[in-house]
Protein backbone atom coordinates (compact mmCIF):
# COMPACT_ATOMS: atom_id res chain seq x y z
CA MET A 1 0.12 -0.19 0.12
CA ARG A 2 3.17 2.30 0.90
CA ARG A 3 4.66 2.06 -2.50
CA GLU A 4 1.04 2.96 -4.04
CA ILE A 5 1.33 5.76 -2.41
CA VAL A 6 4.53 6.79 -3.25
CA SER A 7 3.41 6.22 -6.28
CA THR A 8 0.07 8.12 -6.94
CA VAL A 9 1.65 10.97 -5.35
CA ALA A 10 4.39 11.00 -7.73
CA MET A 11 1.88 10.56 -10.60
CA ALA A 12 0.20 13.95 -9.81
CA CYS A 13 2.94 15.91 -9.40
CA SER A 14 3.81 14.68 -12.57
CA ILE A 15 0.54 16.05 -13.85
CA VAL A 16 1.13 19.13 -11.85
CA ILE A 17 4.87 19.56 -13.41
CA SER A 18 3.24 19.71 -16.98
CA GLN A 19 0.09 21.49 -16.49
CA SER A 20 2.01 24.17 -14.98
CA VAL A 21 4.63 23.97 -17.44
CA ALA A 22 2.61 24.47 -20.48
CA LEU A 23 1.01 27.14 -18.36
CA LEU A 24 4.69 28.47 -18.77
CA LEU A 25 4.64 27.19 -21.97
CA ALA A 26 1.11 29.68 -23.47
CA PRO A 27 2.12 32.85 -24.15
CA PHE A 28 5.18 32.21 -25.96
CA PHE A 29 2.57 29.79 -28.22
CA ILE A 30 0.28 32.78 -27.90
CA ALA A 31 2.65 35.32 -29.46
CA ALA A 32 3.99 33.20 -32.24
CA GLY A 33 0.40 32.22 -33.03
CA ALA A 34 0.73 29.37 -33.34
CA THR A 35 -3.43 28.07 -32.51
CA ALA A 36 -4.21 24.52 -34.49
CA PHE A 37 -7.62 26.30 -35.01
CA PRO A 38 -8.32 30.14 -36.90
CA ASP A 39 -11.28 30.62 -34.72
CA PRO A 40 -10.38 28.94 -31.14
CA ASN A 41 -14.25 29.84 -30.61
CA ASN A 42 -15.12 27.64 -33.38
CA ALA A 43 -17.56 25.18 -31.45
CA ALA A 44 -16.31 23.24 -34.94
CA ASN A 45 -13.08 22.59 -33.69
CA PRO A 46 -13.59 20.33 -30.68
CA ILE A 47 -15.82 17.85 -32.73
CA ILE A 48 -13.45 17.76 -35.51
CA TYR A 49 -10.40 16.70 -32.96
CA VAL A 50 -12.13 13.55 -31.10
CA ILE A 51 -13.05 12.88 -35.19
CA LEU A 52 -8.81 12.89 -35.67
CA ILE A 53 -8.25 10.96 -32.64
CA LEU A 54 -11.17 8.22 -33.20
CA ALA A 55 -9.09 8.15 -37.36
CA PHE A 56 -5.65 7.76 -35.23
CA THR A 57 -6.77 4.86 -33.21
CA ALA A 58 -8.90 3.01 -35.12
CA LEU A 59 -5.16 2.64 -37.71
CA ILE A 60 -3.53 1.79 -35.08
CA LEU A 61 -5.67 -0.70 -33.35
CA PHE A 62 -6.10 -1.73 -37.68
CA ILE A 63 -2.43 -1.90 -37.26
CA VAL A 64 -2.16 -3.88 -34.07
CA LYS A 65 -4.83 -6.58 -35.46
CA LYS A 66 -2.38 -7.09 -38.43
CA ARG A 67 0.66 -7.47 -35.83
CA ARG A 68 1.96 -4.79 -37.40
CA GLU A 69 3.81 -3.27 -34.36
CA ASN A 70 7.31 -2.36 -35.49
CA ILE A 71 5.18 -0.48 -37.65
CA LEU A 72 3.37 1.15 -35.06
CA LYS A 73 6.54 2.07 -32.81
CA TYR A 74 7.75 3.66 -36.64
CA ILE A 75 4.64 6.24 -36.54
CA ILE A 76 4.73 7.06 -32.70
CA LEU A 77 8.07 7.74 -32.58
CA GLY A 78 8.02 9.75 -35.57
CA SER A 79 4.77 11.33 -34.81
CA MET A 80 6.83 12.05 -31.26
CA PHE A 81 10.18 13.26 -33.06
CA LEU A 82 7.90 15.95 -35.18
CA SER A 83 5.66 17.19 -31.95
CA MET A 84 9.12 17.92 -30.07
CA ILE A 85 9.97 20.17 -32.76
CA PHE A 86 7.33 21.94 -32.67
CA VAL A 87 7.44 22.40 -29.41
CA PHE A 88 10.87 23.14 -28.56
CA TYR A 89 11.31 25.29 -31.36
CA ILE A 90 9.04 28.10 -29.66
CA PRO A 91 10.50 28.43 -26.99
CA ALA A 92 13.85 28.58 -28.05
CA LEU A 93 12.88 30.88 -30.37
CA PHE A 94 12.44 33.61 -27.66
CA GLY A 95 14.55 32.59 -25.81
CA LEU A 96 17.80 32.51 -28.23
CA TYR A 97 16.04 36.25 -29.74
CA PRO A 98 17.16 38.62 -27.52
CA PHE A 99 20.40 37.95 -28.02
CA VAL A 100 21.52 37.10 -31.79
CA GLY A 101 18.30 38.60 -32.68
CA ASP A 102 17.02 37.32 -36.53
CA LEU A 103 19.69 34.56 -36.22
CA ALA A 104 17.61 33.10 -33.21
CA PHE A 105 15.06 31.74 -36.18
CA ASN A 106 17.87 29.67 -37.66
CA LEU A 107 19.22 28.59 -34.23
CA ALA A 108 16.39 27.50 -32.81
CA LEU A 109 15.13 25.39 -35.34
CA VAL A 110 18.74 23.41 -35.07
CA LEU A 111 18.46 23.07 -31.68
CA SER A 112 15.04 21.70 -31.89
CA LEU A 113 16.13 19.33 -34.09
CA VAL A 114 18.99 18.11 -32.26
CA VAL A 115 17.24 17.92 -28.62
CA SER A 116 14.36 16.22 -30.55
CA GLY A 117 16.60 13.52 -32.52
CA ILE A 118 18.39 12.92 -29.14
CA LEU A 119 15.25 12.09 -27.14
CA THR A 120 13.92 9.97 -29.73
CA PHE A 121 17.17 7.63 -30.09
CA ALA A 122 16.45 7.26 -26.57
CA LEU A 123 13.35 6.02 -26.84
CA PHE A 124 14.36 3.92 -29.52
CA LYS A 125 17.56 2.64 -27.71
CA TYR A 126 17.29 2.72 -24.25
CA PRO A 127 13.16 2.83 -23.68
CA GLU A 128 13.31 3.28 -19.90
CA TRP A 129 10.86 4.47 -17.76
CA TYR A 130 12.06 7.86 -16.59
CA VAL A 131 13.64 8.31 -20.26
CA VAL A 132 9.52 7.61 -21.52
CA ASP A 133 8.41 9.65 -18.31
CA ALA A 134 10.68 12.21 -19.82
CA VAL A 135 9.63 13.03 -22.92
CA GLY A 136 6.06 12.63 -22.43
CA ILE A 137 5.76 14.80 -20.08
CA SER A 138 7.66 17.03 -22.08
CA VAL A 139 5.77 16.76 -25.42
CA ALA A 140 2.16 16.92 -23.20
CA ALA A 141 3.46 19.81 -21.78
CA GLY A 142 3.31 22.30 -25.01
CA VAL A 143 1.04 20.76 -26.63
CA THR A 144 -1.16 21.10 -23.70
CA ALA A 145 -0.01 24.42 -23.94
CA ILE A 146 -1.12 24.64 -28.08
CA MET A 147 -4.75 23.23 -27.65
CA GLY A 148 -5.44 25.27 -24.65
CA ILE A 149 -4.94 28.95 -26.90
CA SER A 150 -6.08 26.93 -29.49
CA PHE A 151 -9.83 25.96 -27.88
CA THR A 152 -11.53 28.93 -25.65
CA ILE A 153 -14.03 27.50 -22.57
CA PHE A 154 -17.01 26.38 -24.75
CA PRO A 155 -15.25 24.15 -27.25
CA THR A 156 -13.02 23.61 -24.27
CA LEU A 157 -16.36 22.36 -22.18
CA ILE A 158 -17.32 20.08 -25.26
CA LEU A 159 -14.03 18.47 -26.22
CA LEU A 160 -13.85 17.07 -22.40
CA ILE A 161 -17.45 15.72 -21.67
CA LEU A 162 -16.62 14.35 -25.87
CA LEU A 163 -13.86 13.06 -24.51
CA ALA A 164 -15.00 11.60 -21.05
CA VAL A 165 -17.96 9.81 -22.94
CA TYR A 166 -15.95 8.18 -25.24
CA ASP A 167 -13.06 7.03 -22.99
CA ALA A 168 -15.49 5.42 -20.63
CA ILE A 169 -17.12 3.31 -23.39
CA SER A 170 -13.23 2.29 -24.68
CA VAL A 171 -13.18 1.36 -21.52
CA TYR A 172 -15.42 -0.21 -20.02
CA LYS A 173 -17.42 -1.19 -23.24
CA THR A 174 -15.39 -1.40 -25.60
CA LYS A 175 -12.26 -2.63 -24.09
CA HIS A 176 -10.31 -1.55 -27.27
CA MET A 177 -8.16 1.42 -24.83
CA VAL A 178 -6.85 -1.33 -23.35
CA THR A 179 -5.62 -3.27 -25.98
CA LEU A 180 -4.18 -0.24 -26.96
CA ALA A 181 -2.09 0.84 -23.67
CA ASP A 182 -1.29 -2.44 -23.97
CA ALA A 183 0.37 -2.55 -27.48
CA VAL A 184 1.79 0.95 -26.70
CA ALA A 185 3.62 -0.82 -23.15
CA ALA A 186 4.54 -3.73 -25.24
CA GLU A 187 6.74 -1.56 -27.72
CA LYS A 188 7.62 0.81 -25.41
CA LEU A 189 5.82 3.36 -26.59
CA PRO A 190 5.87 7.56 -25.42
CA ILE A 191 2.32 7.59 -25.14
CA LEU A 192 1.99 6.45 -21.61
CA LEU A 193 3.04 7.99 -18.47
CA VAL A 194 5.08 4.82 -16.35
CA ILE A 195 5.51 5.35 -12.51
CA PRO A 196 7.17 1.80 -11.08
CA LYS A 197 6.29 0.65 -7.42
CA LYS A 198 9.86 -0.53 -6.78
CA LEU A 199 13.10 0.90 -7.93
CA ASP A 200 14.23 -1.16 -9.50
CA TYR A 201 11.32 -1.68 -11.25
CA SER A 202 12.36 -1.52 -15.88
CA TYR A 203 10.03 -0.22 -18.75
CA LYS A 204 11.62 -2.88 -21.12
CA ASP A 205 11.23 -6.17 -19.08
CA GLN A 206 6.90 -5.01 -18.45
CA GLU A 207 4.75 -8.01 -19.86
CA SER A 208 1.46 -7.86 -20.72
CA ILE A 209 -0.81 -5.77 -19.01
CA LYS A 210 -3.67 -7.37 -19.74
CA LYS A 211 -2.02 -10.74 -19.06
CA GLN A 212 -1.49 -9.40 -15.51
CA ILE A 213 -5.43 -8.15 -14.92
CA SER A 214 -6.66 -11.31 -16.49
CA SER A 215 -4.23 -13.31 -14.26
CA GLY A 216 -4.77 -10.47 -11.02
CA GLU A 217 -1.60 -10.30 -10.60
CA GLU A 218 0.01 -7.68 -8.92
CA ARG A 219 1.63 -4.94 -11.75
CA GLU A 220 4.61 -3.05 -10.78
CA ALA A 221 4.03 0.04 -11.85
CA MET A 222 1.01 2.43 -12.45
CA PHE A 223 0.15 3.59 -16.01
CA MET A 224 -1.67 6.91 -17.76
CA GLY A 225 -1.94 7.99 -20.84
CA LEU A 226 -0.60 11.17 -22.13
CA GLY A 227 -4.48 11.91 -23.46
CA ASP A 228 -4.79 12.20 -19.09
CA MET A 229 -2.27 14.84 -18.79
CA ILE A 230 -3.24 17.30 -21.62
CA ILE A 231 -7.14 16.93 -22.14
CA PRO A 232 -7.59 18.45 -18.51
CA GLY A 233 -4.67 20.36 -18.85
CA VAL A 234 -6.66 21.74 -22.02
CA LEU A 235 -9.30 23.70 -19.89
CA VAL A 236 -6.65 24.89 -17.20
CA VAL A 237 -4.57 26.78 -20.00
CA SER A 238 -7.84 28.20 -21.61
CA ALA A 239 -9.41 29.03 -18.36
CA LEU A 240 -6.37 31.70 -17.77
CA ALA A 241 -5.67 32.35 -22.04
CA SER A 242 -9.26 32.79 -22.59
CA ASN A 243 -10.10 35.25 -19.73
CA ALA A 244 -6.82 37.62 -21.10
CA ASP A 245 -8.89 40.56 -20.86
CA LYS A 246 -9.75 40.00 -16.83
CA LEU A 247 -6.04 40.51 -15.78
CA SER A 248 -6.89 43.68 -14.27
CA THR A 249 -8.46 41.50 -12.11
CA LEU A 250 -6.54 41.13 -9.39
CA VAL A 251 -7.23 38.84 -5.48
CA PHE A 252 -4.21 39.71 -3.15
CA GLY A 253 -2.15 41.18 -5.99
CA ILE A 254 -2.90 37.85 -7.84
CA PRO A 255 -4.44 38.37 -11.60
CA GLY A 256 -7.94 36.82 -11.20
CA PRO A 257 -7.72 34.57 -14.79
CA LEU A 258 -4.01 32.77 -13.09
CA ILE A 259 -6.75 31.72 -10.30
CA VAL A 260 -8.81 30.15 -11.92
CA SER A 261 -6.85 28.45 -13.94
CA ILE A 262 -5.12 27.10 -10.38
CA GLY A 263 -8.59 25.80 -8.76
CA THR A 264 -9.33 25.09 -12.48
CA LEU A 265 -6.00 22.20 -11.69
CA ILE A 266 -6.92 21.96 -7.96
CA GLY A 267 -10.41 20.79 -9.22
CA GLY A 268 -8.47 18.03 -11.14
CA LEU A 269 -6.41 16.62 -8.91
CA VAL A 270 -9.27 16.08 -6.79
CA GLY A 271 -11.38 14.18 -9.70
CA PHE A 272 -7.10 12.27 -9.89
CA ALA A 273 -7.86 11.81 -6.15
CA VAL A 274 -10.94 10.16 -6.83
CA LEU A 275 -9.75 7.55 -10.21
CA MET A 276 -6.79 6.30 -7.77
CA LYS A 277 -9.69 5.07 -5.01
CA PHE A 278 -10.98 3.05 -7.59
CA VAL A 279 -7.52 2.65 -9.30
CA MET A 280 -5.98 1.00 -6.40
CA LYS A 281 -9.16 -1.62 -6.78
CA GLY A 282 -6.83 -3.85 -9.77
CA ASN A 283 -8.93 -2.79 -12.95
CA PRO A 284 -8.82 -0.29 -15.98
CA GLN A 285 -10.05 2.52 -15.05
CA ALA A 286 -11.44 5.81 -17.68
CA GLY A 287 -9.40 8.45 -16.91
CA LEU A 288 -11.10 11.61 -18.00
CA PRO A 289 -14.81 10.92 -16.95
CA LEU A 290 -13.01 12.35 -13.91
CA LEU A 291 -10.27 14.26 -14.62
CA ASN A 292 -12.24 16.26 -16.84
CA SER A 293 -15.18 16.07 -14.59
CA GLY A 294 -12.87 17.47 -11.56
CA VAL A 295 -11.25 20.38 -14.15
CA ILE A 296 -14.80 21.73 -14.86
CA MET A 297 -15.77 21.93 -11.23
CA GLY A 298 -12.75 24.05 -10.14
CA TYR A 299 -13.16 26.24 -13.14
CA PHE A 300 -16.58 27.03 -12.63
CA VAL A 301 -16.27 27.15 -8.73
CA THR A 302 -13.07 29.37 -9.23
CA TYR A 303 -14.13 31.45 -11.46
CA TYR A 304 -17.26 32.20 -9.54
CA LEU A 305 -14.91 33.18 -6.39
CA VAL A 306 -12.93 35.49 -8.60
CA PHE A 307 -15.15 37.05 -10.83
CA GLN A 308 -18.45 36.69 -9.70
CA GLU A 309 -19.79 36.05 -12.92
CA LEU A 310 -22.14 33.15 -14.13
CA SER A 311 -21.17 34.08 -17.68
CA PHE A 312 -17.89 31.97 -16.57
CA GLY A 313 -16.98 33.29 -19.58
CA ILE A 314 -18.34 31.35 -21.35
CA ARG A 315 -19.10 32.78 -25.40
CA LEU A 316 -20.78 31.12 -27.50
CA GLY A 317 -19.68 30.39 -31.15
CA TRP A 318 -21.16 28.22 -33.86
CA PHE A 319 -20.72 26.35 -36.46
């Protein structure tokens, strides 16, 4: 039990780190205009995003069914490589520009290519849990920042509700999410957060998750999909970015939108605590229903306490 508590705390800290870094990165992506959609308030955006997720998931499951996991490995590693280039490029550009001027554009590109290449090579040759987690948390932070500024509050709520429903169906009904997690763990791919329960655990030696579940065998590590960090974090970032017009409202000298964002993150941690009570029972659990519910409640409660408004910063935007 003690080991599970330590692992749970470590997982919670990983969520906080990822979403906090996303908040720090968001202003740089805003300044660079690096949004995923031209109109962040369009309610069609989350629907398009969910369709893309479904299509990508279907592709992965098809590859797994055809027993072409080696192809899956290169697809995921390639996707991570491209994601890391973009995630690292913007902060590097803003960090270098004050010192080298326009030369920063080229230097930032080279730096992001080199760093992304090294990390991708490390994932390929030495996919231990700490390498996987370091890359996963970094990419999750960048993706969360980009998505958080790409959706205002209304589309974000739609996104979180749709994906919470999908996650519940995929874990409890179709169970294909367990199959997906098993395939990802078998190939040691960096789209899972891996938190070991003991120090001598090796992700490279991880056996089939489905086999461990069916046999009732105690697992040596806890797993969480990066989506369980990214999706709730979208509202954490959006709470700040979408309410930027209220930055002049201060509470104890702290900008109101930042307090709302922190309150949203805390709400997510409450949802995480409830989730882990079910996880401790040993069965796979859909994370997004509880995590998304937590951040949504955290947002509404904190927004009202700070701004005393029932609009909750929601601006309706239709197709």
